[in-house]
Amino acid sequence: MIAFVATPTFLKNAKVLSKRYPSFKKDLKELLDSLSENPEQGVSLAGKFRKIRLAISSKGKGKRGGARVITTDCVIVQGAGRIVLVSVYDKSDIDSMSVEEIKKAYSSLS
């Protein structure tokens, strides 16, 4: 079992995207279900972070033009996994996030 914990940055950005794209919540849920099965999706970034492409079906551009979800690597403690949802952004709004921005968003969880 994997638990997902979202940072305030992730929640704020997800709210904006869900208002802009009607399918965003469904698309994100499908990604989280997929992460539960395979937590090592995406590209490794700066140590413990991962960047995952998310297709937003109502946007109609596939994964390449969709959103990016920044997570931590899955940490397993006493048989249970935990993934922190650090940030999410629309690829058409932001080209990429710097490592410093990712670390700042992650530190807001503490």
Protein backbone atom coordinates (compact mmCIF):
# COMPACT_ATOMS: atom_id res chain seq x y z
CA MET A 1 0.00 0.00 0.00
CA ILE A 2 1.30 3.43 -0.94
CA ALA A 3 0.15 6.62 0.75
CA PHE A 4 0.26 9.93 -1.10
CA VAL A 5 1.00 13.18 0.71
CA ALA A 6 0.62 16.51 -1.13
CA THR A 7 2.55 19.71 -0.44
CA PRO A 8 0.67 23.04 -0.30
CA THR A 9 2.30 23.93 -3.65
CA PHE A 10 0.91 20.79 -5.26
CA LEU A 11 -2.59 21.40 -3.88
CA LYS A 12 -2.63 25.02 -5.07
CA ASN A 13 -1.41 24.17 -8.57
CA ALA A 14 -3.73 21.16 -8.88
CA LYS A 15 -6.71 23.35 -8.00
CA VAL A 16 -5.82 25.81 -10.78
CA LEU A 17 -5.39 22.99 -13.32
CA SER A 18 -8.64 21.30 -12.30
CA LYS A 19 -10.53 24.56 -12.94
CA ARG A 20 -8.84 25.02 -16.32
CA TYR A 21 -9.16 21.41 -17.55
CA PRO A 22 -12.33 19.41 -16.76
CA SER A 23 -10.56 16.03 -17.06
CA PHE A 24 -7.62 16.91 -14.79
CA LYS A 25 -8.96 15.26 -11.61
CA LYS A 26 -9.71 12.02 -13.46
CA ASP A 27 -6.34 12.08 -15.23
CA LEU A 28 -4.52 12.68 -11.94
CA LYS A 29 -6.42 9.86 -10.21
CA GLU A 30 -5.41 7.48 -13.00
CA LEU A 31 -1.77 8.53 -12.55
CA LEU A 32 -1.94 7.93 -8.78
CA ASP A 33 -3.48 4.49 -9.36
CA SER A 34 -0.67 3.76 -11.80
CA LEU A 35 1.95 5.01 -9.30
CA SER A 36 0.55 2.62 -6.70
CA GLU A 37 1.40 -0.23 -9.07
CA ASN A 38 4.70 1.16 -10.36
CA PRO A 39 6.17 3.90 -8.12
CA GLU A 40 9.35 4.26 -10.23
CA GLN A 41 7.67 6.02 -13.16
CA GLY A 42 9.13 9.13 -14.69
CA VAL A 43 12.61 10.57 -14.82
CA SER A 44 14.85 10.81 -11.77
CA LEU A 45 15.78 14.39 -10.79
CA ALA A 46 18.37 15.57 -8.29
CA GLY A 47 18.45 12.62 -5.96
CA LYS A 48 15.09 11.75 -4.47
CA PHE A 49 12.74 13.58 -6.87
CA ARG A 50 10.98 12.30 -9.99
CA LYS A 51 9.28 14.09 -12.90
CA ILE A 52 6.32 12.32 -14.49
CA ARG A 53 4.50 13.36 -17.66
CA LEU A 54 0.72 13.50 -17.31
CA ALA A 55 -1.57 13.65 -20.33
CA ILE A 56 -4.57 15.92 -19.74
CA SER A 57 -7.24 14.38 -21.96
CA SER A 58 -9.38 17.53 -22.19
CA LYS A 59 -6.33 19.46 -23.40
CA GLY A 60 -5.89 17.01 -26.27
CA LYS A 61 -2.09 17.20 -26.55
CA GLY A 62 -0.97 13.91 -24.99
CA LYS A 63 1.79 13.54 -22.40
CA ARG A 64 4.25 15.72 -24.26
CA GLY A 65 2.05 18.83 -24.10
CA GLY A 66 0.25 17.96 -20.86
CA ALA A 67 1.28 18.50 -17.26
CA ARG A 68 4.32 17.54 -15.22
CA VAL A 69 4.00 16.00 -11.77
CA ILE A 70 6.99 16.24 -9.44
CA THR A 71 7.10 13.54 -6.75
CA THR A 72 9.60 12.04 -4.35
CA ASP A 73 10.90 8.52 -4.74
CA CYS A 74 8.77 5.99 -2.91
CA VAL A 75 9.99 5.53 0.66
CA ILE A 76 9.02 2.25 2.33
CA VAL A 77 8.73 2.23 6.09
CA GLN A 78 7.44 -0.83 7.95
CA GLY A 79 6.02 -2.35 4.77
CA ALA A 80 4.08 0.75 3.68
CA GLY A 81 5.16 3.15 0.94
CA ARG A 82 4.91 6.92 0.89
CA ILE A 83 5.18 9.26 -2.07
CA VAL A 84 5.12 13.04 -1.66
CA LEU A 85 3.37 14.96 -4.44
CA VAL A 86 5.66 17.98 -4.56
CA SER A 87 4.28 20.03 -7.46
CA VAL A 88 2.28 19.88 -10.67
CA TYR A 89 2.40 22.34 -13.56
CA ASP A 90 1.09 22.77 -17.08
CA LYS A 91 3.87 22.35 -19.64
CA SER A 92 2.43 25.26 -21.65
CA ASP A 93 2.78 27.58 -18.61
CA ILE A 94 6.20 26.52 -17.30
CA ASP A 95 8.93 24.86 -19.37
CA SER A 96 10.56 23.21 -16.34
CA MET A 97 11.15 23.69 -12.62
CA SER A 98 14.61 24.22 -11.20
CA VAL A 99 15.96 21.95 -8.50
CA GLU A 100 15.84 24.91 -6.10
CA GLU A 101 12.12 25.45 -6.80
CA ILE A 102 11.43 21.75 -6.27
CA LYS A 103 13.33 21.70 -2.98
CA LYS A 104 11.50 24.83 -1.80
CA ALA A 105 8.11 23.27 -2.60
CA TYR A 106 9.14 20.05 -0.82
CA SER A 107 10.35 21.93 2.27
CA SER A 108 6.92 23.57 2.62
CA LEU A 109 5.61 20.17 3.76
CA SER A 110 7.56 20.25 7.02
